[in-house]
C-alpha atoms as a PDB file:
ATOM      1  CA  MET A   1    -120.620 -68.981  62.752  1.00  0.00           C
ATOM      2  CA  THR A   2    -122.189 -66.013  64.514  1.00  0.00           C
ATOM      3  CA  GLU A   3    -120.211 -62.851  65.226  1.00  0.00           C
ATOM      4  CA  TYR A   4    -117.832 -63.229  68.162  1.00  0.00           C
ATOM      5  CA  CYS A   5    -119.033 -61.167  71.120  1.00  0.00           C
ATOM      6  CA  PRO A   6    -117.226 -62.615  74.151  1.00  0.00           C
ATOM      7  CA  PRO A   7    -118.998 -62.205  77.496  1.00  0.00           C
ATOM      8  CA  SER A   8    -117.570 -59.778  80.027  1.00  0.00           C
ATOM      9  CA  ASP A   9    -118.148 -62.084  83.019  1.00  0.00           C
ATOM     10  CA  PRO A  10    -115.367 -61.827  85.620  1.00  0.00           C
ATOM     11  CA  LEU A  11    -113.067 -64.845  85.849  1.00  0.00           C
ATOM     12  CA  GLU A  12    -114.621 -67.417  88.201  1.00  0.00           C
ATOM     13  CA  ILE A  13    -111.864 -69.424  89.891  1.00  0.00           C
ATOM     14  CA  LEU A  14    -113.078 -72.694  91.421  1.00  0.00           C
ATOM     15  CA  HIS A  15    -109.690 -73.835  92.752  1.00  0.00           C
ATOM     16  CA  ASP A  16    -106.008 -72.982  92.487  1.00  0.00           C
ATOM     17  CA  ASP A  17    -102.849 -74.401  94.002  1.00  0.00           C
ATOM     18  CA  HIS A  18     -99.181 -74.945  93.094  1.00  0.00           C
ATOM     19  CA  GLU A  19    -100.043 -77.406  90.281  1.00  0.00           C
ATOM     20  CA  ILE A  20    -103.536 -76.723  88.914  1.00  0.00           C
ATOM     21  CA  ILE A  21    -105.999 -73.906  88.255  1.00  0.00           C
ATOM     22  CA  VAL A  22    -109.693 -74.748  87.838  1.00  0.00           C
ATOM     23  CA  VAL A  23    -112.143 -72.198  86.444  1.00  0.00           C
ATOM     24  CA  ASN A  24    -115.772 -71.962  85.379  1.00  0.00           C
ATOM     25  CA  LYS A  25    -115.782 -71.004  81.698  1.00  0.00           C
ATOM     26  CA  PRO A  26    -118.693 -68.825  80.550  1.00  0.00           C
ATOM     27  CA  SER A  27    -120.655 -69.697  77.425  1.00  0.00           C
ATOM     28  CA  GLY A  28    -119.637 -67.683  74.362  1.00  0.00           C
ATOM     29  CA  LEU A  29    -115.928 -67.423  75.231  1.00  0.00           C
ATOM     30  CA  LEU A  30    -113.256 -69.220  73.209  1.00  0.00           C
ATOM     31  CA  SER A  31    -110.929 -71.499  75.187  1.00  0.00           C
ATOM     32  CA  VAL A  32    -107.903 -70.402  73.108  1.00  0.00           C
ATOM     33  CA  PRO A  33    -107.368 -67.558  70.612  1.00  0.00           C
ATOM     34  CA  GLY A  34    -108.835 -67.890  67.136  1.00  0.00           C
ATOM     35  CA  ARG A  35    -107.297 -66.573  63.933  1.00  0.00           C
ATOM     36  CA  GLY A  36    -107.187 -62.803  63.798  1.00  0.00           C
ATOM     37  CA  PRO A  37    -107.150 -60.055  66.431  1.00  0.00           C
ATOM     38  CA  HIS A  38    -110.970 -60.069  66.718  1.00  0.00           C
ATOM     39  CA  LEU A  39    -110.702 -63.602  68.186  1.00  0.00           C
ATOM     40  CA  ALA A  40    -107.885 -62.819  70.623  1.00  0.00           C
ATOM     41  CA  ASP A  41    -110.026 -62.584  73.771  1.00  0.00           C
ATOM     42  CA  CYS A  42    -110.268 -66.089  75.227  1.00  0.00           C
ATOM     43  CA  LEU A  43    -110.256 -68.002  78.484  1.00  0.00           C
ATOM     44  CA  ILE A  44    -106.550 -68.886  78.587  1.00  0.00           C
ATOM     45  CA  THR A  45    -105.613 -65.218  78.051  1.00  0.00           C
ATOM     46  CA  ARG A  46    -107.875 -64.186  80.926  1.00  0.00           C
ATOM     47  CA  VAL A  47    -106.500 -66.961  83.144  1.00  0.00           C
ATOM     48  CA  GLN A  48    -102.891 -65.996  82.315  1.00  0.00           C
ATOM     49  CA  ALA A  49    -103.633 -62.386  83.288  1.00  0.00           C
ATOM     50  CA  VAL A  50    -104.091 -63.711  86.843  1.00  0.00           C
ATOM     51  CA  PHE A  51    -101.849 -66.794  86.673  1.00  0.00           C
ATOM     52  CA  PRO A  52     -99.062 -66.004  84.156  1.00  0.00           C
ATOM     53  CA  MET A  53     -97.715 -69.553  84.398  1.00  0.00           C
ATOM     54  CA  ALA A  54    -101.006 -71.198  83.343  1.00  0.00           C
ATOM     55  CA  LEU A  55    -100.735 -73.853  80.606  1.00  0.00           C
ATOM     56  CA  LEU A  56    -103.463 -75.350  78.419  1.00  0.00           C
ATOM     57  CA  VAL A  57    -104.534 -78.939  79.091  1.00  0.00           C
ATOM     58  CA  HIS A  58    -107.874 -79.319  77.261  1.00  0.00           C
ATOM     59  CA  ARG A  59    -110.588 -77.194  75.647  1.00  0.00           C
ATOM     60  CA  LEU A  60    -114.323 -76.626  75.702  1.00  0.00           C
ATOM     61  CA  ASP A  61    -116.304 -75.426  72.681  1.00  0.00           C
ATOM     62  CA  ARG A  62    -116.904 -71.690  72.566  1.00  0.00           C
ATOM     63  CA  ASP A  63    -120.612 -72.095  73.314  1.00  0.00           C
ATOM     64  CA  THR A  64    -120.165 -74.628  76.147  1.00  0.00           C
ATOM     65  CA  SER A  65    -119.795 -73.415  79.741  1.00  0.00           C
ATOM     66  CA  GLY A  66    -118.383 -75.077  82.811  1.00  0.00           C
ATOM     67  CA  VAL A  67    -115.370 -76.639  84.497  1.00  0.00           C
ATOM     68  CA  MET A  68    -111.960 -76.342  82.835  1.00  0.00           C
ATOM     69  CA  VAL A  69    -108.590 -77.201  84.347  1.00  0.00           C
ATOM     70  CA  PHE A  70    -105.291 -75.501  83.521  1.00  0.00           C
ATOM     71  CA  ALA A  71    -101.827 -76.609  84.589  1.00  0.00           C
ATOM     72  CA  ALA A  72     -99.660 -74.333  86.716  1.00  0.00           C
ATOM     73  CA  THR A  73     -96.422 -76.195  85.848  1.00  0.00           C
ATOM     74  CA  PRO A  74     -95.054 -78.201  82.891  1.00  0.00           C
ATOM     75  CA  HIS A  75     -95.131 -81.294  85.143  1.00  0.00           C
ATOM     76  CA  ALA A  76     -98.841 -80.804  85.815  1.00  0.00           C
ATOM     77  CA  GLN A  77     -99.502 -80.234  82.098  1.00  0.00           C
ATOM     78  CA  ARG A  78     -97.847 -83.574  81.236  1.00  0.00           C
ATOM     79  CA  HIS A  79     -99.570 -85.383  84.116  1.00  0.00           C
ATOM     80  CA  LEU A  80    -103.044 -84.080  83.264  1.00  0.00           C
ATOM     81  CA  GLY A  81    -102.483 -84.500  79.525  1.00  0.00           C
ATOM     82  CA  LEU A  82    -101.712 -88.168  80.072  1.00  0.00           C
ATOM     83  CA  GLN A  83    -104.857 -88.583  82.183  1.00  0.00           C
ATOM     84  CA  PHE A  84    -106.964 -87.121  79.356  1.00  0.00           C
ATOM     85  CA  GLU A  85    -105.164 -89.269  76.783  1.00  0.00           C
ATOM     86  CA  LYS A  86    -105.716 -92.466  78.791  1.00  0.00           C
ATOM     87  CA  ARG A  87    -109.328 -91.421  79.535  1.00  0.00           C
ATOM     88  CA  HIS A  88    -108.743 -91.483  83.290  1.00  0.00           C
ATOM     89  CA  ILE A  89    -110.398 -88.090  83.806  1.00  0.00           C
ATOM     90  CA  LYS A  90    -114.155 -88.369  84.291  1.00  0.00           C
ATOM     91  CA  LYS A  91    -116.165 -85.600  82.641  1.00  0.00           C
ATOM     92  CA  THR A  92    -119.840 -85.013  83.368  1.00  0.00           C
ATOM     93  CA  TYR A  93    -122.010 -82.605  81.379  1.00  0.00           C
ATOM     94  CA  LEU A  94    -125.589 -81.429  81.771  1.00  0.00           C
ATOM     95  CA  ALA A  95    -127.659 -80.627  78.692  1.00  0.00           C
ATOM     96  CA  ARG A  96    -131.201 -79.665  77.785  1.00  0.00           C
ATOM     97  CA  VAL A  97    -132.276 -81.415  74.594  1.00  0.00           C
ATOM     98  CA  GLN A  98    -135.220 -81.053  72.250  1.00  0.00           C
ATOM     99  CA  GLY A  99    -138.174 -83.411  72.720  1.00  0.00           C
ATOM    100  CA  GLN A 100    -138.843 -86.089  75.286  1.00  0.00           C
ATOM    101  CA  VAL A 101    -136.245 -88.850  75.367  1.00  0.00           C
ATOM    102  CA  ALA A 102    -138.125 -92.156  75.668  1.00  0.00           C
ATOM    103  CA  GLU A 103    -135.473 -94.305  77.321  1.00  0.00           C
ATOM    104  CA  ASP A 104    -134.010 -93.530  80.745  1.00  0.00           C
ATOM    105  CA  SER A 105    -130.358 -94.116  79.828  1.00  0.00           C
ATOM    106  CA  GLY A 106    -128.129 -95.471  77.119  1.00  0.00           C
ATOM    107  CA  THR A 107    -124.851 -95.236  75.230  1.00  0.00           C
ATOM    108  CA  VAL A 108    -124.159 -93.685  71.830  1.00  0.00           C
ATOM    109  CA  ASN A 109    -121.250 -95.323  70.001  1.00  0.00           C
ATOM    110  CA  LEU A 110    -120.918 -93.530  66.660  1.00  0.00           C
ATOM    111  CA  PRO A 111    -117.588 -92.597  65.012  1.00  0.00           C
ATOM    112  CA  LEU A 112    -117.134 -88.941  64.073  1.00  0.00           C
ATOM    113  CA  ILE A 113    -115.259 -87.027  61.388  1.00  0.00           C
ATOM    114  CA  VAL A 114    -115.156 -83.376  60.348  1.00  0.00           C
ATOM    115  CA  ASP A 115    -117.820 -82.398  57.807  1.00  0.00           C
ATOM    116  CA  TRP A 116    -115.323 -80.627  55.517  1.00  0.00           C
ATOM    117  CA  PRO A 117    -117.732 -78.588  53.363  1.00  0.00           C
ATOM    118  CA  ASN A 118    -119.484 -77.399  56.526  1.00  0.00           C
ATOM    119  CA  ARG A 119    -116.580 -76.931  58.949  1.00  0.00           C
ATOM    120  CA  PRO A 120    -116.425 -76.796  61.951  1.00  0.00           C
ATOM    121  CA  LYS A 121    -119.421 -79.153  61.936  1.00  0.00           C
ATOM    122  CA  GLN A 122    -118.772 -82.831  62.560  1.00  0.00           C
ATOM    123  CA  MET A 123    -120.691 -85.839  61.268  1.00  0.00           C
ATOM    124  CA  VAL A 124    -121.061 -89.574  61.816  1.00  0.00           C
ATOM    125  CA  CYS A 125    -118.928 -91.667  59.463  1.00  0.00           C
ATOM    126  CA  HIS A 126    -118.603 -95.430  59.919  1.00  0.00           C
ATOM    127  CA  GLU A 127    -115.850 -95.741  57.298  1.00  0.00           C
ATOM    128  CA  THR A 128    -113.263 -93.164  58.362  1.00  0.00           C
ATOM    129  CA  GLY A 129    -114.604 -91.611  61.569  1.00  0.00           C
ATOM    130  CA  LYS A 130    -112.750 -91.767  64.888  1.00  0.00           C
ATOM    131  CA  GLN A 131    -114.304 -93.731  67.740  1.00  0.00           C
ATOM    132  CA  ALA A 132    -116.664 -91.627  69.862  1.00  0.00           C
ATOM    133  CA  VAL A 133    -118.663 -92.971  72.821  1.00  0.00           C
ATOM    134  CA  THR A 134    -121.110 -91.116  75.079  1.00  0.00           C
ATOM    135  CA  ASP A 135    -123.085 -92.456  78.038  1.00  0.00           C
ATOM    136  CA  TRP A 136    -126.291 -90.562  78.785  1.00  0.00           C
ATOM    137  CA  LYS A 137    -128.965 -90.591  81.474  1.00  0.00           C
ATOM    138  CA  VAL A 138    -132.249 -88.712  81.753  1.00  0.00           C
ATOM    139  CA  VAL A 139    -132.416 -86.331  84.712  1.00  0.00           C
ATOM    140  CA  LYS A 140    -135.844 -84.794  84.088  1.00  0.00           C
ATOM    141  CA  ARG A 141    -138.502 -84.637  81.380  1.00  0.00           C
ATOM    142  CA  SER A 142    -140.611 -81.522  80.917  1.00  0.00           C
ATOM    143  CA  ASP A 143    -142.828 -79.995  78.252  1.00  0.00           C
ATOM    144  CA  GLY A 144    -141.069 -80.419  74.905  1.00  0.00           C
ATOM    145  CA  GLU A 145    -137.601 -81.067  76.287  1.00  0.00           C
ATOM    146  CA  THR A 146    -135.453 -83.384  78.415  1.00  0.00           C
ATOM    147  CA  ARG A 147    -132.621 -82.657  80.807  1.00  0.00           C
ATOM    148  CA  VAL A 148    -129.854 -85.251  80.413  1.00  0.00           C
ATOM    149  CA  ARG A 149    -126.533 -86.047  82.091  1.00  0.00           C
ATOM    150  CA  LEU A 150    -123.811 -86.838  79.562  1.00  0.00           C
ATOM    151  CA  SER A 151    -120.582 -88.718  80.301  1.00  0.00           C
ATOM    152  CA  PRO A 152    -118.278 -88.837  77.269  1.00  0.00           C
ATOM    153  CA  GLN A 153    -115.815 -91.736  77.210  1.00  0.00           C
ATOM    154  CA  THR A 154    -113.932 -90.048  74.358  1.00  0.00           C
ATOM    155  CA  GLY A 155    -113.246 -86.384  73.637  1.00  0.00           C
ATOM    156  CA  ARG A 156    -114.049 -85.711  69.985  1.00  0.00           C
ATOM    157  CA  SER A 157    -114.927 -82.247  68.721  1.00  0.00           C
ATOM    158  CA  HIS A 158    -118.698 -81.578  68.994  1.00  0.00           C
ATOM    159  CA  GLN A 159    -119.134 -85.164  70.223  1.00  0.00           C
ATOM    160  CA  LEU A 160    -122.019 -84.537  72.608  1.00  0.00           C
ATOM    161  CA  ARG A 161    -123.784 -82.265  70.137  1.00  0.00           C
ATOM    162  CA  VAL A 162    -123.627 -84.750  67.251  1.00  0.00           C
ATOM    163  CA  HIS A 163    -124.455 -87.759  69.419  1.00  0.00           C
ATOM    164  CA  MET A 164    -127.579 -86.104  70.820  1.00  0.00           C
ATOM    165  CA  LEU A 165    -128.573 -85.091  67.290  1.00  0.00           C
ATOM    166  CA  ALA A 166    -128.117 -88.725  66.204  1.00  0.00           C
ATOM    167  CA  LEU A 167    -130.550 -89.770  68.946  1.00  0.00           C
ATOM    168  CA  GLY A 168    -133.087 -87.374  67.464  1.00  0.00           C
ATOM    169  CA  HIS A 169    -132.777 -84.947  70.389  1.00  0.00           C
ATOM    170  CA  PRO A 170    -130.403 -82.072  69.499  1.00  0.00           C
ATOM    171  CA  ILE A 171    -129.153 -79.819  72.271  1.00  0.00           C
ATOM    172  CA  LEU A 172    -131.282 -76.689  72.564  1.00  0.00           C
ATOM    173  CA  GLY A 173    -129.736 -73.407  71.434  1.00  0.00           C
ATOM    174  CA  ASP A 174    -127.173 -75.140  69.197  1.00  0.00           C
ATOM    175  CA  PRO A 175    -126.431 -72.832  66.222  1.00  0.00           C
ATOM    176  CA  PHE A 176    -124.894 -75.697  64.212  1.00  0.00           C
ATOM    177  CA  TYR A 177    -127.143 -78.682  64.823  1.00  0.00           C
ATOM    178  CA  ALA A 178    -130.433 -77.159  66.047  1.00  0.00           C
ATOM    179  CA  PRO A 179    -130.508 -73.613  64.590  1.00  0.00           C
ATOM    180  CA  GLN A 180    -134.309 -73.419  64.833  1.00  0.00           C
ATOM    181  CA  THR A 181    -134.029 -73.480  68.648  1.00  0.00           C
ATOM    182  CA  VAL A 182    -131.599 -70.545  68.947  1.00  0.00           C
ATOM    183  CA  VAL A 183    -134.329 -67.881  68.991  1.00  0.00           C
ATOM    184  CA  ASP A 184    -135.864 -69.331  72.164  1.00  0.00           C
ATOM    185  CA  HIS A 185    -132.540 -70.297  73.751  1.00  0.00           C
ATOM    186  CA  PRO A 186    -129.917 -67.528  73.618  1.00  0.00           C
ATOM    187  CA  ARG A 187    -127.065 -69.931  74.435  1.00  0.00           C
ATOM    188  CA  LEU A 188    -126.119 -73.564  73.854  1.00  0.00           C
ATOM    189  CA  MET A 189    -127.749 -75.543  76.654  1.00  0.00           C
ATOM    190  CA  LEU A 190    -124.612 -77.590  77.396  1.00  0.00           C
ATOM    191  CA  HIS A 191    -122.554 -77.257  80.569  1.00  0.00           C
ATOM    192  CA  SER A 192    -119.450 -79.073  81.819  1.00  0.00           C
ATOM    193  CA  GLN A 193    -120.736 -79.710  85.326  1.00  0.00           C
ATOM    194  CA  GLN A 194    -117.977 -81.811  86.835  1.00  0.00           C
ATOM    195  CA  LEU A 195    -114.372 -82.947  86.338  1.00  0.00           C
ATOM    196  CA  ARG A 196    -112.817 -85.730  88.377  1.00  0.00           C
ATOM    197  CA  LEU A 197    -109.043 -86.089  88.149  1.00  0.00           C
ATOM    198  CA  LYS A 198    -105.947 -87.208  90.010  1.00  0.00           C
ATOM    199  CA  HIS A 199    -103.885 -84.335  91.376  1.00  0.00           C
ATOM    200  CA  PRO A 200    -100.434 -84.097  89.729  1.00  0.00           C
ATOM    201  CA  ASP A 201     -98.849 -83.823  93.174  1.00  0.00           C
ATOM    202  CA  GLY A 202     -99.492 -87.125  94.949  1.00  0.00           C
ATOM    203  CA  GLY A 203    -102.233 -88.555  92.756  1.00  0.00           C
ATOM    204  CA  ARG A 204    -105.120 -87.958  95.125  1.00  0.00           C
ATOM    205  CA  THR A 205    -108.526 -87.855  93.398  1.00  0.00           C
ATOM    206  CA  HIS A 206    -110.143 -84.401  93.243  1.00  0.00           C
ATOM    207  CA  GLN A 207    -113.602 -83.499  92.001  1.00  0.00           C
ATOM    208  CA  PHE A 208    -114.525 -80.014  90.791  1.00  0.00           C
ATOM    209  CA  THR A 209    -118.071 -78.849  90.116  1.00  0.00           C
ATOM    210  CA  ALA A 210    -119.592 -75.753  88.531  1.00  0.00           C
ATOM    211  CA  PRO A 211    -123.289 -75.081  89.139  1.00  0.00           C
ATOM    212  CA  VAL A 212    -125.540 -75.453  86.090  1.00  0.00           C
ATOM    213  CA  PRO A 213    -126.588 -71.948  84.927  1.00  0.00           C
ATOM    214  CA  PHE A 214    -129.789 -73.024  83.161  1.00  0.00           C
END
């Protein structure tokens, strides 16, 4: 793991109301505090500085940017947590991957488990891994890389990163799974572009989008 140097970007609030707070997380910032004071700066701390009542609902990897939702009440936290658990929330990511992907779309269905000797890396394991499913679609092919839209059906740690690696097209700038690309890509080229959820007050469907920064 590289040294933790959290970005100083100001908090970008996409939406807030009496039940939910939606923000655009910058790449390089932890979602929650790590172990030790040097890992204390994180997104939820910054959100709670503005919205003291904010509660965690889900996480994004440190190196991933994009849409994250926080609950403003315990009711909203339970409501949203259940939506994530039942896979009712639709998540859409945009990634730039190494090489030209031959097919136009597909689904990766490979179970994942933590790679204990190399934590926090994950790996495919058909014996003891947990189910992990990702739908993908090519957006654009260019010289030496492909831009893909990723829609995870499950929410395993590093799922998109390991699934793209399994396809033979690791995400560019990934320090764990494509370290040779980090020099040319100063950040992980993975962005949570869109979240679609039912509002905890009334159940109306809302869609939140953060523009892709790469």
